Amino acid sequence: MKTEQEKIFENVINKKTEESPEKKETKKTNMLLAAFMMFILPIMLVVLGVFLGGYIGKFIGTSIRTFQIAGGVVAFILSVIIIKLFDKSAVIDKDAEVIHWDDM
């Protein structure tokens, strides 16, 4: 017959194995697309924002540098929003292969 401490110990062990990282759901997306979204897209949008900001500043006839900075900031904020939306749209694949650090 098990003592009360042994039962508590078994319950704690069972809870820890149920909450192990292997059982958590992970998102699976195309890694090339994810890398593009995280690293290349923000740079492209900032460059485009600076270019468009400079063009707008030149068209209005005011300080070009101010509009370039504002365009870059707006484009960067837009890229952060796009990345957040992309992250939320990533689906969870239950059949994905789990790779552990020990397997490498």
N, C-alpha and C. Protein backbone atom coordinates (compact mmCIF):
# COMPACT_ATOMS: atom_id res chain seq x y z
N MET A 1 0.84 -1.17 0.00
CA MET A 1 0.00 0.00 0.00
C MET A 1 0.89 1.25 0.00
N LYS A 2 0.50 2.24 -0.79
CA LYS A 2 1.30 3.44 -0.93
C LYS A 2 0.95 4.44 0.17
N THR A 3 1.99 5.13 0.58
CA THR A 3 1.77 6.17 1.58
C THR A 3 1.26 7.43 0.89
N GLU A 4 0.83 8.38 1.68
CA GLU A 4 0.30 9.64 1.15
C GLU A 4 1.39 10.42 0.40
N GLN A 5 2.61 10.38 0.91
CA GLN A 5 3.72 11.09 0.25
C GLN A 5 4.04 10.47 -1.11
N GLU A 6 3.99 9.17 -1.22
CA GLU A 6 4.25 8.52 -2.50
C GLU A 6 3.18 8.88 -3.53
N LYS A 7 1.93 8.97 -3.10
CA LYS A 7 0.85 9.36 -4.01
C LYS A 7 1.04 10.79 -4.50
N ILE A 8 1.41 11.67 -3.59
CA ILE A 8 1.65 13.07 -3.98
C ILE A 8 2.83 13.16 -4.94
N PHE A 9 3.89 12.40 -4.66
CA PHE A 9 5.06 12.39 -5.52
C PHE A 9 4.70 11.91 -6.92
N GLU A 10 3.92 10.84 -7.02
CA GLU A 10 3.51 10.33 -8.33
C GLU A 10 2.65 11.34 -9.08
N ASN A 11 1.77 12.03 -8.37
CA ASN A 11 0.94 13.05 -9.01
C ASN A 11 1.79 14.18 -9.58
N VAL A 12 2.80 14.60 -8.83
CA VAL A 12 3.68 15.68 -9.29
C VAL A 12 4.45 15.22 -10.53
N ILE A 13 4.96 14.01 -10.52
CA ILE A 13 5.71 13.48 -11.66
C ILE A 13 4.80 13.37 -12.89
N ASN A 14 3.59 12.89 -12.70
CA ASN A 14 2.65 12.76 -13.83
C ASN A 14 2.29 14.11 -14.41
N LYS A 15 2.11 15.11 -13.57
CA LYS A 15 1.79 16.45 -14.07
C LYS A 15 2.95 17.03 -14.87
N LYS A 16 4.17 16.80 -14.41
CA LYS A 16 5.33 17.33 -15.13
C LYS A 16 5.49 16.66 -16.49
N THR A 17 5.22 15.36 -16.58
CA THR A 17 5.34 14.70 -17.88
C THR A 17 4.23 15.12 -18.82
N GLU A 18 3.05 15.45 -18.28
CA GLU A 18 1.96 15.92 -19.14
C GLU A 18 2.25 17.30 -19.69
N GLU A 19 3.01 18.12 -18.96
CA GLU A 19 3.31 19.48 -19.38
C GLU A 19 4.66 19.59 -20.07
N SER A 20 5.22 18.47 -20.50
CA SER A 20 6.54 18.50 -21.11
C SER A 20 6.50 19.26 -22.44
N PRO A 21 7.62 19.85 -22.85
CA PRO A 21 7.65 20.65 -24.07
C PRO A 21 7.33 19.84 -25.33
N GLU A 22 7.51 18.52 -25.29
CA GLU A 22 7.24 17.72 -26.47
C GLU A 22 5.75 17.72 -26.81
N LYS A 23 4.91 17.91 -25.82
CA LYS A 23 3.48 17.83 -26.05
C LYS A 23 2.86 19.18 -26.38
N LYS A 24 3.62 20.25 -26.29
CA LYS A 24 3.08 21.57 -26.61
C LYS A 24 2.94 21.70 -28.12
N GLU A 25 1.93 22.43 -28.55
CA GLU A 25 1.69 22.61 -29.97
C GLU A 25 2.62 23.70 -30.52
N THR A 26 3.21 23.42 -31.66
CA THR A 26 4.09 24.39 -32.30
C THR A 26 3.54 24.75 -33.66
N LYS A 27 3.93 25.90 -34.13
CA LYS A 27 3.46 26.37 -35.43
C LYS A 27 4.44 25.92 -36.51
N LYS A 28 3.89 25.46 -37.62
CA LYS A 28 4.74 25.03 -38.72
C LYS A 28 4.43 25.89 -39.94
N THR A 29 5.40 26.59 -40.41
CA THR A 29 5.26 27.38 -41.63
C THR A 29 6.47 27.10 -42.50
N ASN A 30 6.41 27.55 -43.71
CA ASN A 30 7.54 27.43 -44.59
C ASN A 30 8.67 28.29 -44.02
N MET A 31 9.80 27.70 -43.73
CA MET A 31 10.89 28.42 -43.07
C MET A 31 11.46 29.53 -43.96
N LEU A 32 11.47 29.33 -45.25
CA LEU A 32 11.97 30.36 -46.15
C LEU A 32 11.05 31.59 -46.12
N LEU A 33 9.75 31.34 -46.13
CA LEU A 33 8.79 32.44 -46.06
C LEU A 33 8.87 33.15 -44.71
N ALA A 34 9.02 32.38 -43.64
CA ALA A 34 9.13 32.98 -42.31
C ALA A 34 10.39 33.84 -42.19
N ALA A 35 11.50 33.36 -42.73
CA ALA A 35 12.75 34.13 -42.68
C ALA A 35 12.62 35.41 -43.51
N PHE A 36 11.97 35.31 -44.65
CA PHE A 36 11.73 36.51 -45.47
C PHE A 36 10.89 37.52 -44.71
N MET A 37 9.82 37.04 -44.08
CA MET A 37 8.91 37.94 -43.36
C MET A 37 9.62 38.61 -42.18
N MET A 38 10.52 37.91 -41.53
CA MET A 38 11.17 38.46 -40.34
C MET A 38 12.33 39.39 -40.66
N PHE A 39 13.07 39.11 -41.71
CA PHE A 39 14.31 39.84 -41.93
C PHE A 39 14.31 40.73 -43.19
N ILE A 40 13.79 40.24 -44.28
CA ILE A 40 13.89 40.97 -45.54
C ILE A 40 12.75 41.98 -45.70
N LEU A 41 11.52 41.58 -45.38
CA LEU A 41 10.37 42.46 -45.56
C LEU A 41 10.50 43.78 -44.81
N PRO A 42 10.90 43.80 -43.53
CA PRO A 42 11.03 45.10 -42.85
C PRO A 42 12.04 46.02 -43.52
N ILE A 43 13.15 45.47 -43.97
CA ILE A 43 14.17 46.30 -44.63
C ILE A 43 13.63 46.87 -45.93
N MET A 44 12.94 46.02 -46.71
CA MET A 44 12.37 46.49 -47.97
C MET A 44 11.32 47.57 -47.73
N LEU A 45 10.47 47.38 -46.74
CA LEU A 45 9.43 48.37 -46.47
C LEU A 45 10.01 49.68 -45.97
N VAL A 46 11.05 49.63 -45.15
CA VAL A 46 11.66 50.87 -44.66
C VAL A 46 12.30 51.63 -45.82
N VAL A 47 13.00 50.93 -46.69
CA VAL A 47 13.61 51.60 -47.86
C VAL A 47 12.52 52.21 -48.74
N LEU A 48 11.45 51.46 -48.97
CA LEU A 48 10.34 51.98 -49.76
C LEU A 48 9.69 53.18 -49.07
N GLY A 49 9.54 53.11 -47.75
CA GLY A 49 8.95 54.23 -47.00
C GLY A 49 9.81 55.48 -47.07
N VAL A 50 11.12 55.30 -46.98
CA VAL A 50 12.04 56.45 -47.09
C VAL A 50 11.95 57.06 -48.49
N PHE A 51 11.92 56.21 -49.49
CA PHE A 51 11.83 56.70 -50.87
C PHE A 51 10.52 57.45 -51.10
N LEU A 52 9.40 56.85 -50.68
CA LEU A 52 8.11 57.51 -50.86
C LEU A 52 7.99 58.78 -50.02
N GLY A 53 8.55 58.75 -48.81
CA GLY A 53 8.54 59.95 -47.97
C GLY A 53 9.32 61.08 -48.60
N GLY A 54 10.46 60.77 -49.18
CA GLY A 54 11.25 61.79 -49.88
C GLY A 54 10.52 62.34 -51.08
N TYR A 55 9.85 61.46 -51.81
CA TYR A 55 9.09 61.90 -52.98
C TYR A 55 7.94 62.81 -52.57
N ILE A 56 7.23 62.43 -51.50
CA ILE A 56 6.12 63.26 -51.01
C ILE A 56 6.63 64.61 -50.51
N GLY A 57 7.74 64.60 -49.77
CA GLY A 57 8.32 65.86 -49.29
C GLY A 57 8.75 66.76 -50.43
N LYS A 58 9.30 66.18 -51.49
CA LYS A 58 9.71 66.96 -52.66
C LYS A 58 8.49 67.50 -53.39
N PHE A 59 7.43 66.69 -53.48
CA PHE A 59 6.21 67.10 -54.17
C PHE A 59 5.52 68.25 -53.43
N ILE A 60 5.49 68.17 -52.09
CA ILE A 60 4.85 69.22 -51.29
C ILE A 60 5.72 70.47 -51.25
N GLY A 61 7.03 70.30 -51.31
CA GLY A 61 7.93 71.44 -51.29
C GLY A 61 8.42 71.78 -49.89
N THR A 62 8.40 70.81 -49.00
CA THR A 62 8.89 71.03 -47.63
C THR A 62 10.15 70.21 -47.42
N SER A 63 10.52 70.05 -46.17
CA SER A 63 11.75 69.34 -45.82
C SER A 63 11.67 67.87 -46.27
N ILE A 64 12.55 67.51 -47.17
CA ILE A 64 12.57 66.14 -47.68
C ILE A 64 13.02 65.17 -46.60
N ARG A 65 14.04 65.56 -45.83
CA ARG A 65 14.59 64.69 -44.79
C ARG A 65 13.53 64.31 -43.75
N THR A 66 12.69 65.26 -43.35
CA THR A 66 11.65 64.98 -42.37
C THR A 66 10.66 63.95 -42.90
N PHE A 67 10.27 64.10 -44.14
CA PHE A 67 9.33 63.15 -44.73
C PHE A 67 9.97 61.79 -44.96
N GLN A 68 11.28 61.75 -45.24
CA GLN A 68 11.97 60.47 -45.37
C GLN A 68 11.97 59.73 -44.04
N ILE A 69 12.25 60.43 -42.96
CA ILE A 69 12.25 59.80 -41.64
C ILE A 69 10.85 59.33 -41.28
N ALA A 70 9.86 60.17 -41.51
CA ALA A 70 8.48 59.80 -41.19
C ALA A 70 8.03 58.60 -42.03
N GLY A 71 8.40 58.59 -43.30
CA GLY A 71 8.05 57.46 -44.17
C GLY A 71 8.70 56.17 -43.71
N GLY A 72 9.96 56.24 -43.28
CA GLY A 72 10.64 55.05 -42.77
C GLY A 72 10.01 54.53 -41.50
N VAL A 73 9.63 55.44 -40.60
CA VAL A 73 9.00 55.02 -39.34
C VAL A 73 7.64 54.39 -39.60
N VAL A 74 6.85 55.01 -40.47
CA VAL A 74 5.53 54.46 -40.79
C VAL A 74 5.66 53.09 -41.45
N ALA A 75 6.63 52.94 -42.34
CA ALA A 75 6.83 51.65 -43.01
C ALA A 75 7.29 50.59 -42.02
N PHE A 76 8.12 50.96 -41.06
CA PHE A 76 8.57 50.00 -40.05
C PHE A 76 7.40 49.54 -39.19
N ILE A 77 6.56 50.47 -38.78
CA ILE A 77 5.38 50.11 -37.99
C ILE A 77 4.45 49.20 -38.80
N LEU A 78 4.31 49.49 -40.08
CA LEU A 78 3.50 48.65 -40.96
C LEU A 78 4.09 47.24 -41.06
N SER A 79 5.42 47.13 -41.13
CA SER A 79 6.04 45.81 -41.21
C SER A 79 5.84 45.02 -39.92
N VAL A 80 5.86 45.69 -38.77
CA VAL A 80 5.60 45.00 -37.50
C VAL A 80 4.17 44.47 -37.47
N ILE A 81 3.22 45.25 -37.95
CA ILE A 81 1.83 44.80 -38.00
C ILE A 81 1.68 43.61 -38.94
N ILE A 82 2.34 43.65 -40.08
CA ILE A 82 2.27 42.54 -41.04
C ILE A 82 2.86 41.28 -40.43
N ILE A 83 3.98 41.40 -39.71
CA ILE A 83 4.59 40.23 -39.07
C ILE A 83 3.67 39.66 -38.01
N LYS A 84 3.02 40.51 -37.22
CA LYS A 84 2.07 40.03 -36.21
C LYS A 84 0.92 39.27 -36.87
N LEU A 85 0.37 39.80 -37.96
CA LEU A 85 -0.71 39.12 -38.66
C LEU A 85 -0.25 37.80 -39.26
N PHE A 86 0.97 37.77 -39.79
CA PHE A 86 1.53 36.54 -40.34
C PHE A 86 1.69 35.48 -39.25
N ASP A 87 2.14 35.90 -38.08
CA ASP A 87 2.33 34.97 -36.98
C ASP A 87 1.00 34.39 -36.51
N LYS A 88 -0.03 35.21 -36.48
CA LYS A 88 -1.34 34.71 -36.06
C LYS A 88 -1.96 33.79 -37.10
N SER A 89 -1.61 33.96 -38.36
CA SER A 89 -2.19 33.13 -39.41
C SER A 89 -1.46 31.79 -39.58
N ALA A 90 -0.33 31.62 -38.92
CA ALA A 90 0.40 30.36 -39.01
C ALA A 90 -0.43 29.25 -38.37
N VAL A 91 -0.51 28.12 -39.04
CA VAL A 91 -1.34 27.02 -38.55
C VAL A 91 -0.51 26.08 -37.68
N ILE A 92 -1.20 25.36 -36.82
CA ILE A 92 -0.54 24.39 -35.96
C ILE A 92 -0.67 23.02 -36.62
N ASP A 93 0.46 22.39 -36.88
CA ASP A 93 0.48 21.08 -37.53
C ASP A 93 0.77 20.02 -36.48
N LYS A 94 -0.20 19.16 -36.24
CA LYS A 94 -0.04 18.13 -35.20
C LYS A 94 0.84 16.98 -35.68
N ASP A 95 1.04 16.85 -37.00
CA ASP A 95 1.84 15.75 -37.54
C ASP A 95 3.29 16.14 -37.79
N ALA A 96 3.69 17.32 -37.37
CA ALA A 96 5.05 17.78 -37.63
C ALA A 96 6.05 16.95 -36.83
N GLU A 97 7.20 16.72 -37.43
CA GLU A 97 8.25 15.96 -36.76
C GLU A 97 8.90 16.82 -35.69
N VAL A 98 9.02 16.26 -34.50
CA VAL A 98 9.64 16.97 -33.39
C VAL A 98 11.12 16.64 -33.37
N ILE A 99 11.96 17.65 -33.40
CA ILE A 99 13.40 17.45 -33.37
C ILE A 99 13.92 17.93 -32.02
N HIS A 100 14.59 17.05 -31.31
CA HIS A 100 15.12 17.38 -29.99
C HIS A 100 16.60 17.72 -30.12
N TRP A 101 17.09 18.50 -29.19
CA TRP A 101 18.49 18.90 -29.20
C TRP A 101 19.41 17.68 -29.08
N ASP A 102 18.99 16.67 -28.33
CA ASP A 102 19.82 15.48 -28.14
C ASP A 102 19.95 14.67 -29.42
N ASP A 103 19.02 14.82 -30.36
CA ASP A 103 19.05 14.05 -31.60
C ASP A 103 20.06 14.59 -32.60
N MET A 104 20.57 15.78 -32.39
CA MET A 104 21.48 16.39 -33.36
C MET A 104 22.89 15.94 -33.16
